[in-house]
Structures are given as C-alpha cells and as structure tokens.
Amino acid sequence: MKELVETIAKALVDSPDEVVVTEKETDKTIVLELKVATDDVGKIIGKQGKIAKAIRSVVKAASSKCDKKVIVDII
C-alpha cells in the first residue's frame, strides 16, 4: 500500500523528492501518512478534496484483499 500511495503522489507533485509516506500498522488498521512539500499540498488535495478522495478510493480498492482497513492521512 505504501508504494501505491507514493507512486500516485510522486506523479502529481512538482517536487517528487519531498514525498514521504510512513506506515503505521495496528491489529485491524493500517494508517498511511503522506507528507509533501508545502507548495504541493493543494495538488494532492485538489479542488474540494476530489484528488484526495480519489487516492483514498484507489487505496481502499487495493486493500480489499488484505482484510485490514487502510486510512490515508495527508499531512
């Protein structure tokens, strides 16, 4: 999951070197924290949060195989 979010984020931002994805795992959930440069936060969120919602939808579809809930936080 971490690689998926990282690949999507790097394709969207101007400075892909500053994309950092950290993964925290508990019993039934995986939390992915996405950090980008301050200038690129708007590109990740998108108008009215549409791009962020799309990223979360793709990750949710990919996580259906692993029986864990995946949460994507944009920091």
N, C-alpha and C. Protein backbone atom coordinates (compact mmCIF):
# COMPACT_ATOMS: atom_id res chain seq x y z
N MET A 1 0.82 -1.20 0.00
CA MET A 1 0.00 0.00 0.00
C MET A 1 0.86 1.26 0.00
N LYS A 2 1.93 1.21 0.76
CA LYS A 2 2.81 2.37 0.87
C LYS A 2 3.37 2.77 -0.49
N GLU A 3 3.78 1.78 -1.27
CA GLU A 3 4.35 2.05 -2.59
C GLU A 3 3.31 2.63 -3.53
N LEU A 4 2.07 2.17 -3.42
CA LEU A 4 0.99 2.67 -4.26
C LEU A 4 0.74 4.15 -4.02
N VAL A 5 0.62 4.54 -2.76
CA VAL A 5 0.38 5.94 -2.42
C VAL A 5 1.57 6.80 -2.85
N GLU A 6 2.76 6.28 -2.64
CA GLU A 6 3.97 7.02 -3.00
C GLU A 6 4.05 7.24 -4.51
N THR A 7 3.72 6.24 -5.30
CA THR A 7 3.75 6.36 -6.75
C THR A 7 2.73 7.37 -7.26
N ILE A 8 1.53 7.32 -6.71
CA ILE A 8 0.48 8.27 -7.12
C ILE A 8 0.88 9.69 -6.75
N ALA A 9 1.37 9.88 -5.54
CA ALA A 9 1.73 11.22 -5.08
C ALA A 9 2.89 11.81 -5.89
N LYS A 10 3.88 10.99 -6.19
CA LYS A 10 5.03 11.49 -6.96
C LYS A 10 4.62 11.91 -8.37
N ALA A 11 3.61 11.28 -8.92
CA ALA A 11 3.14 11.64 -10.26
C ALA A 11 2.38 12.96 -10.25
N LEU A 12 1.84 13.35 -9.11
CA LEU A 12 1.00 14.55 -9.05
C LEU A 12 1.75 15.83 -8.68
N VAL A 13 2.85 15.73 -7.96
CA VAL A 13 3.50 16.92 -7.41
C VAL A 13 4.64 17.41 -8.29
N ASP A 14 5.07 18.66 -8.02
CA ASP A 14 6.19 19.25 -8.75
C ASP A 14 7.54 18.79 -8.20
N SER A 15 7.60 18.54 -6.91
CA SER A 15 8.86 18.10 -6.30
C SER A 15 8.69 16.69 -5.70
N PRO A 16 8.86 15.66 -6.52
CA PRO A 16 8.65 14.29 -6.05
C PRO A 16 9.69 13.82 -5.05
N ASP A 17 10.81 14.54 -4.93
CA ASP A 17 11.83 14.15 -3.96
C ASP A 17 11.35 14.32 -2.52
N GLU A 18 10.40 15.22 -2.31
CA GLU A 18 9.95 15.53 -0.95
C GLU A 18 8.73 14.72 -0.52
N VAL A 19 8.31 13.76 -1.32
CA VAL A 19 7.17 12.91 -0.96
C VAL A 19 7.65 11.84 0.01
N VAL A 20 7.00 11.78 1.17
CA VAL A 20 7.35 10.80 2.20
C VAL A 20 6.06 10.12 2.66
N VAL A 21 6.05 8.81 2.62
CA VAL A 21 4.90 8.04 3.09
C VAL A 21 5.37 7.15 4.24
N THR A 22 4.73 7.31 5.40
CA THR A 22 5.04 6.46 6.54
C THR A 22 3.85 5.56 6.82
N GLU A 23 4.13 4.36 7.28
CA GLU A 23 3.09 3.37 7.50
C GLU A 23 3.09 2.95 8.97
N LYS A 24 1.92 3.04 9.59
CA LYS A 24 1.74 2.60 10.97
C LYS A 24 0.65 1.53 10.96
N GLU A 25 0.98 0.38 11.53
CA GLU A 25 0.05 -0.75 11.47
C GLU A 25 -0.37 -1.16 12.87
N THR A 26 -1.68 -1.35 13.05
CA THR A 26 -2.22 -1.89 14.29
C THR A 26 -2.90 -3.22 13.95
N ASP A 27 -3.74 -3.72 14.85
CA ASP A 27 -4.35 -5.02 14.65
C ASP A 27 -5.20 -5.09 13.37
N LYS A 28 -6.11 -4.13 13.19
CA LYS A 28 -7.03 -4.21 12.06
C LYS A 28 -6.96 -3.00 11.14
N THR A 29 -6.05 -2.08 11.39
CA THR A 29 -5.95 -0.91 10.53
C THR A 29 -4.51 -0.62 10.14
N ILE A 30 -4.36 0.00 8.99
CA ILE A 30 -3.07 0.50 8.52
C ILE A 30 -3.26 1.99 8.25
N VAL A 31 -2.43 2.81 8.86
CA VAL A 31 -2.50 4.26 8.66
C VAL A 31 -1.30 4.67 7.81
N LEU A 32 -1.59 5.27 6.67
CA LEU A 32 -0.55 5.77 5.78
C LEU A 32 -0.54 7.29 5.88
N GLU A 33 0.57 7.87 6.30
CA GLU A 33 0.70 9.32 6.42
C GLU A 33 1.50 9.82 5.22
N LEU A 34 0.89 10.71 4.45
CA LEU A 34 1.51 11.25 3.25
C LEU A 34 1.96 12.68 3.53
N LYS A 35 3.26 12.92 3.38
CA LYS A 35 3.81 14.25 3.57
C LYS A 35 4.41 14.71 2.25
N VAL A 36 4.05 15.93 1.84
CA VAL A 36 4.59 16.53 0.62
C VAL A 36 5.08 17.93 0.93
N ALA A 37 5.72 18.57 -0.03
CA ALA A 37 6.19 19.94 0.14
C ALA A 37 4.97 20.86 0.33
N THR A 38 5.18 21.96 1.01
CA THR A 38 4.06 22.86 1.29
C THR A 38 3.43 23.43 0.03
N ASP A 39 4.21 23.59 -1.03
CA ASP A 39 3.67 24.10 -2.29
C ASP A 39 2.80 23.06 -3.00
N ASP A 40 2.98 21.80 -2.69
CA ASP A 40 2.29 20.72 -3.39
C ASP A 40 1.07 20.18 -2.66
N VAL A 41 0.76 20.71 -1.50
CA VAL A 41 -0.36 20.19 -0.73
C VAL A 41 -1.67 20.38 -1.49
N GLY A 42 -1.82 21.52 -2.13
CA GLY A 42 -3.03 21.79 -2.91
C GLY A 42 -3.21 20.84 -4.07
N LYS A 43 -2.12 20.41 -4.66
CA LYS A 43 -2.20 19.47 -5.79
C LYS A 43 -2.62 18.09 -5.32
N ILE A 44 -2.24 17.72 -4.12
CA ILE A 44 -2.63 16.41 -3.59
C ILE A 44 -4.09 16.43 -3.14
N ILE A 45 -4.53 17.52 -2.56
CA ILE A 45 -5.91 17.60 -2.07
C ILE A 45 -6.88 17.84 -3.23
N GLY A 46 -6.54 18.75 -4.13
CA GLY A 46 -7.40 19.03 -5.28
C GLY A 46 -8.57 19.92 -4.92
N LYS A 47 -9.31 20.30 -5.94
CA LYS A 47 -10.48 21.15 -5.72
C LYS A 47 -11.54 20.38 -4.97
N GLN A 48 -11.98 20.92 -3.85
CA GLN A 48 -12.99 20.33 -2.98
C GLN A 48 -12.62 18.92 -2.53
N GLY A 49 -11.31 18.63 -2.50
CA GLY A 49 -10.84 17.34 -2.00
C GLY A 49 -11.03 16.18 -2.94
N LYS A 50 -11.24 16.45 -4.21
CA LYS A 50 -11.55 15.36 -5.16
C LYS A 50 -10.36 14.44 -5.41
N ILE A 51 -9.16 14.99 -5.49
CA ILE A 51 -7.99 14.14 -5.73
C ILE A 51 -7.69 13.31 -4.50
N ALA A 52 -7.80 13.90 -3.31
CA ALA A 52 -7.57 13.14 -2.08
C ALA A 52 -8.59 12.01 -1.96
N LYS A 53 -9.82 12.29 -2.31
CA LYS A 53 -10.86 11.27 -2.26
C LYS A 53 -10.57 10.15 -3.26
N ALA A 54 -10.05 10.51 -4.43
CA ALA A 54 -9.72 9.51 -5.44
C ALA A 54 -8.56 8.63 -4.98
N ILE A 55 -7.55 9.25 -4.34
CA ILE A 55 -6.43 8.46 -3.81
C ILE A 55 -6.93 7.48 -2.76
N ARG A 56 -7.80 7.95 -1.89
CA ARG A 56 -8.34 7.06 -0.85
C ARG A 56 -9.18 5.94 -1.45
N SER A 57 -9.91 6.22 -2.52
CA SER A 57 -10.73 5.19 -3.17
C SER A 57 -9.85 4.11 -3.80
N VAL A 58 -8.77 4.50 -4.45
CA VAL A 58 -7.87 3.54 -5.06
C VAL A 58 -7.22 2.66 -3.99
N VAL A 59 -6.79 3.27 -2.89
CA VAL A 59 -6.16 2.51 -1.81
C VAL A 59 -7.17 1.57 -1.17
N LYS A 60 -8.40 2.02 -1.01
CA LYS A 60 -9.43 1.17 -0.42
C LYS A 60 -9.70 -0.04 -1.31
N ALA A 61 -9.73 0.18 -2.62
CA ALA A 61 -9.95 -0.94 -3.55
C ALA A 61 -8.77 -1.92 -3.50
N ALA A 62 -7.56 -1.39 -3.41
CA ALA A 62 -6.38 -2.26 -3.35
C ALA A 62 -6.29 -3.01 -2.02
N SER A 63 -6.84 -2.43 -0.96
CA SER A 63 -6.73 -3.06 0.35
C SER A 63 -7.82 -4.10 0.62
N SER A 64 -8.72 -4.28 -0.31
CA SER A 64 -9.81 -5.23 -0.08
C SER A 64 -9.30 -6.67 0.03
N LYS A 65 -8.09 -6.93 -0.45
CA LYS A 65 -7.52 -8.27 -0.39
C LYS A 65 -6.92 -8.61 0.97
N CYS A 66 -6.57 -7.60 1.77
CA CYS A 66 -5.78 -7.88 2.96
C CYS A 66 -6.57 -7.85 4.27
N ASP A 67 -7.87 -7.74 4.25
CA ASP A 67 -8.72 -7.78 5.45
C ASP A 67 -8.36 -6.73 6.49
N LYS A 68 -7.78 -5.63 6.09
CA LYS A 68 -7.47 -4.56 7.02
C LYS A 68 -7.99 -3.25 6.45
N LYS A 69 -8.38 -2.35 7.35
CA LYS A 69 -8.85 -1.04 6.93
C LYS A 69 -7.62 -0.14 6.75
N VAL A 70 -7.56 0.55 5.63
CA VAL A 70 -6.43 1.43 5.34
C VAL A 70 -6.92 2.87 5.36
N ILE A 71 -6.22 3.70 6.12
CA ILE A 71 -6.53 5.12 6.25
C ILE A 71 -5.38 5.92 5.68
N VAL A 72 -5.69 6.87 4.79
CA VAL A 72 -4.67 7.74 4.21
C VAL A 72 -4.83 9.13 4.80
N ASP A 73 -3.80 9.59 5.51
CA ASP A 73 -3.79 10.93 6.10
C ASP A 73 -2.81 11.79 5.33
N ILE A 74 -3.26 12.98 4.94
CA ILE A 74 -2.39 13.91 4.24
C ILE A 74 -1.95 14.96 5.25
N ILE A 75 -0.64 15.05 5.43
CA ILE A 75 -0.07 15.95 6.45
C ILE A 75 0.66 17.08 5.76
